[in-house]
């Protein structure tokens, strides 16, 4: 019987070693997926050359600008606010489409 107990211990030790090796390999593979590389940033900002290049709905850019006009231009042309308005528009469209009943169909 001592030989059989030694054999069971050996199998357990081999399984434990194999599970550790697999864990190390899995961690190595996961670590290789999480690599970092810097993306190049633009050297200059992509800005319009003049006020006429901005979206200026309701603001006369030919006349001298007031503080209110400058604030309106900033709000209209802010990339973050443009993205937020687009997301809000998509959400509103989803609410509207969810409430629309399907077209009636006649089966004959």
C-alpha atoms as a PDB file:
ATOM      1  CA  UNK A   1       0.000   0.000   0.000  1.00  0.00           C
ATOM      2  CA  UNK A   2       2.790   2.506   0.611  1.00  0.00           C
ATOM      3  CA  UNK A   3       3.573   2.401  -3.093  1.00  0.00           C
ATOM      4  CA  UNK A   4      -0.051   3.284  -3.953  1.00  0.00           C
ATOM      5  CA  UNK A   5      -0.052   6.290  -1.518  1.00  0.00           C
ATOM      6  CA  UNK A   6       3.193   7.529  -3.029  1.00  0.00           C
ATOM      7  CA  UNK A   7       1.634   7.247  -6.499  1.00  0.00           C
ATOM      8  CA  UNK A   8      -1.452   9.291  -5.424  1.00  0.00           C
ATOM      9  CA  UNK A   9       0.776  11.961  -3.896  1.00  0.00           C
ATOM     10  CA  UNK A  10       2.812  12.094  -7.072  1.00  0.00           C
ATOM     11  CA  UNK A  11      -0.328  12.534  -9.195  1.00  0.00           C
ATOM     12  CA  UNK A  12      -1.599  15.334  -6.921  1.00  0.00           C
ATOM     13  CA  UNK A  13       1.780  17.066  -7.086  1.00  0.00           C
ATOM     14  CA  UNK A  14       1.802  16.788 -10.894  1.00  0.00           C
ATOM     15  CA  UNK A  15      -1.737  18.202 -11.145  1.00  0.00           C
ATOM     16  CA  UNK A  16      -0.840  21.059  -8.809  1.00  0.00           C
ATOM     17  CA  UNK A  17       2.271  21.823 -10.866  1.00  0.00           C
ATOM     18  CA  UNK A  18       0.284  21.676 -14.122  1.00  0.00           C
ATOM     19  CA  UNK A  19      -2.379  24.036 -12.763  1.00  0.00           C
ATOM     20  CA  UNK A  20       0.319  26.511 -11.692  1.00  0.00           C
ATOM     21  CA  UNK A  21       1.986  26.332 -15.104  1.00  0.00           C
ATOM     22  CA  UNK A  22      -1.365  26.941 -16.832  1.00  0.00           C
ATOM     23  CA  UNK A  23      -2.071  29.898 -14.519  1.00  0.00           C
ATOM     24  CA  UNK A  24       1.321  31.425 -15.307  1.00  0.00           C
ATOM     25  CA  UNK A  25       0.791  30.940 -19.045  1.00  0.00           C
ATOM     26  CA  UNK A  26      -2.684  32.501 -18.821  1.00  0.00           C
ATOM     27  CA  UNK A  27      -1.319  35.492 -16.901  1.00  0.00           C
ATOM     28  CA  UNK A  28       1.457  35.874 -19.451  1.00  0.00           C
ATOM     29  CA  UNK A  29      -1.030  35.871 -22.318  1.00  0.00           C
ATOM     30  CA  UNK A  30      -3.284  38.389 -20.565  1.00  0.00           C
ATOM     31  CA  UNK A  31      -0.343  40.652 -19.786  1.00  0.00           C
ATOM     32  CA  UNK A  32       0.749  40.637 -23.417  1.00  0.00           C
ATOM     33  CA  UNK A  33      -2.731  41.829 -24.453  1.00  0.00           C
ATOM     34  CA  UNK A  34      -2.547  44.860 -22.190  1.00  0.00           C
ATOM     35  CA  UNK A  35       0.155  46.744 -24.036  1.00  0.00           C
ATOM     36  CA  UNK A  36       0.393  50.520 -24.268  1.00  0.00           C
ATOM     37  CA  UNK A  37       1.607  52.566 -27.164  1.00  0.00           C
ATOM     38  CA  UNK A  38       1.348  56.320 -27.445  1.00  0.00           C
ATOM     39  CA  UNK A  39      -0.742  57.708 -30.269  1.00  0.00           C
ATOM     40  CA  UNK A  40       0.599  60.797 -31.988  1.00  0.00           C
ATOM     41  CA  UNK A  41      -1.158  64.014 -31.086  1.00  0.00           C
ATOM     42  CA  UNK A  42      -1.783  66.663 -33.729  1.00  0.00           C
ATOM     43  CA  UNK A  43       0.765  69.456 -33.745  1.00  0.00           C
ATOM     44  CA  UNK A  44      -1.894  72.116 -34.321  1.00  0.00           C
ATOM     45  CA  UNK A  45      -5.571  72.349 -33.501  1.00  0.00           C
ATOM     46  CA  UNK A  46      -8.037  71.860 -36.351  1.00  0.00           C
ATOM     47  CA  UNK A  47      -9.674  75.281 -36.065  1.00  0.00           C
ATOM     48  CA  UNK A  48     -11.454  77.308 -38.730  1.00  0.00           C
ATOM     49  CA  UNK A  49      -9.448  80.210 -40.113  1.00  0.00           C
ATOM     50  CA  UNK A  50     -12.201  82.748 -39.462  1.00  0.00           C
ATOM     51  CA  UNK A  51     -15.509  83.202 -37.629  1.00  0.00           C
ATOM     52  CA  UNK A  52     -17.316  82.441 -40.871  1.00  0.00           C
ATOM     53  CA  UNK A  53     -15.939  78.885 -40.641  1.00  0.00           C
ATOM     54  CA  UNK A  54     -17.818  78.279 -37.377  1.00  0.00           C
ATOM     55  CA  UNK A  55     -21.417  77.153 -37.122  1.00  0.00           C
ATOM     56  CA  UNK A  56     -23.141  80.431 -36.368  1.00  0.00           C
ATOM     57  CA  UNK A  57     -26.878  79.794 -36.377  1.00  0.00           C
ATOM     58  CA  UNK A  58     -28.576  83.023 -35.301  1.00  0.00           C
ATOM     59  CA  UNK A  59     -25.322  84.912 -34.673  1.00  0.00           C
ATOM     60  CA  UNK A  60     -24.242  87.660 -37.070  1.00  0.00           C
ATOM     61  CA  UNK A  61     -20.484  87.134 -37.309  1.00  0.00           C
ATOM     62  CA  UNK A  62     -20.085  90.173 -39.587  1.00  0.00           C
ATOM     63  CA  UNK A  63     -21.130  92.586 -36.801  1.00  0.00           C
ATOM     64  CA  UNK A  64     -19.048  93.213 -33.662  1.00  0.00           C
ATOM     65  CA  UNK A  65     -19.631  90.328 -31.267  1.00  0.00           C
ATOM     66  CA  UNK A  66     -21.141  90.806 -27.825  1.00  0.00           C
ATOM     67  CA  UNK A  67     -20.279  88.612 -24.854  1.00  0.00           C
ATOM     68  CA  UNK A  68     -23.581  86.798 -25.388  1.00  0.00           C
ATOM     69  CA  UNK A  69     -22.737  86.151 -29.068  1.00  0.00           C
ATOM     70  CA  UNK A  70     -19.294  84.780 -28.174  1.00  0.00           C
ATOM     71  CA  UNK A  71     -20.883  82.491 -25.546  1.00  0.00           C
ATOM     72  CA  UNK A  72     -23.460  81.302 -28.097  1.00  0.00           C
ATOM     73  CA  UNK A  73     -20.715  80.533 -30.632  1.00  0.00           C
ATOM     74  CA  UNK A  74     -18.762  78.621 -27.956  1.00  0.00           C
ATOM     75  CA  UNK A  75     -21.799  76.531 -27.017  1.00  0.00           C
ATOM     76  CA  UNK A  76     -22.741  75.812 -30.638  1.00  0.00           C
ATOM     77  CA  UNK A  77     -19.192  74.798 -31.629  1.00  0.00           C
ATOM     78  CA  UNK A  78     -17.979  72.957 -28.500  1.00  0.00           C
ATOM     79  CA  UNK A  79     -17.128  69.366 -29.567  1.00  0.00           C
ATOM     80  CA  UNK A  80     -18.222  67.965 -26.184  1.00  0.00           C
ATOM     81  CA  UNK A  81     -21.560  69.759 -26.340  1.00  0.00           C
ATOM     82  CA  UNK A  82     -22.086  68.754 -29.976  1.00  0.00           C
ATOM     83  CA  UNK A  83     -21.557  65.101 -28.976  1.00  0.00           C
ATOM     84  CA  UNK A  84     -23.916  65.453 -26.006  1.00  0.00           C
ATOM     85  CA  UNK A  85     -26.614  67.020 -28.182  1.00  0.00           C
ATOM     86  CA  UNK A  86     -26.203  64.190 -30.705  1.00  0.00           C
ATOM     87  CA  UNK A  87     -26.586  61.568 -27.952  1.00  0.00           C
ATOM     88  CA  UNK A  88     -29.647  63.385 -26.635  1.00  0.00           C
ATOM     89  CA  UNK A  89     -31.132  63.445 -30.143  1.00  0.00           C
ATOM     90  CA  UNK A  90     -30.563  59.701 -30.530  1.00  0.00           C
ATOM     91  CA  UNK A  91     -32.192  59.063 -27.153  1.00  0.00           C
ATOM     92  CA  UNK A  92     -35.204  61.182 -28.114  1.00  0.00           C
ATOM     93  CA  UNK A  93     -35.530  59.336 -31.428  1.00  0.00           C
ATOM     94  CA  UNK A  94     -35.445  55.994 -29.596  1.00  0.00           C
ATOM     95  CA  UNK A  95     -38.210  57.130 -27.241  1.00  0.00           C
ATOM     96  CA  UNK A  96     -40.337  58.282 -30.166  1.00  0.00           C
ATOM     97  CA  UNK A  97     -39.789  55.093 -32.173  1.00  0.00           C
ATOM     98  CA  UNK A  98     -40.593  52.966 -29.117  1.00  0.00           C
ATOM     99  CA  UNK A  99     -43.989  54.671 -28.825  1.00  0.00           C
ATOM    100  CA  UNK A 100     -44.976  54.352 -32.478  1.00  0.00           C
ATOM    101  CA  UNK A 101     -47.402  51.570 -33.212  1.00  0.00           C
ATOM    102  CA  UNK A 102     -46.571  49.282 -36.118  1.00  0.00           C
ATOM    103  CA  UNK A 103     -48.371  49.813 -39.423  1.00  0.00           C
ATOM    104  CA  UNK A 104     -51.591  47.853 -39.594  1.00  0.00           C
ATOM    105  CA  UNK A 105     -51.561  44.977 -42.037  1.00  0.00           C
ATOM    106  CA  UNK A 106     -54.453  43.191 -43.656  1.00  0.00           C
ATOM    107  CA  UNK A 107     -54.149  39.500 -44.251  1.00  0.00           C
ATOM    108  CA  UNK A 108     -56.443  37.898 -46.771  1.00  0.00           C
END
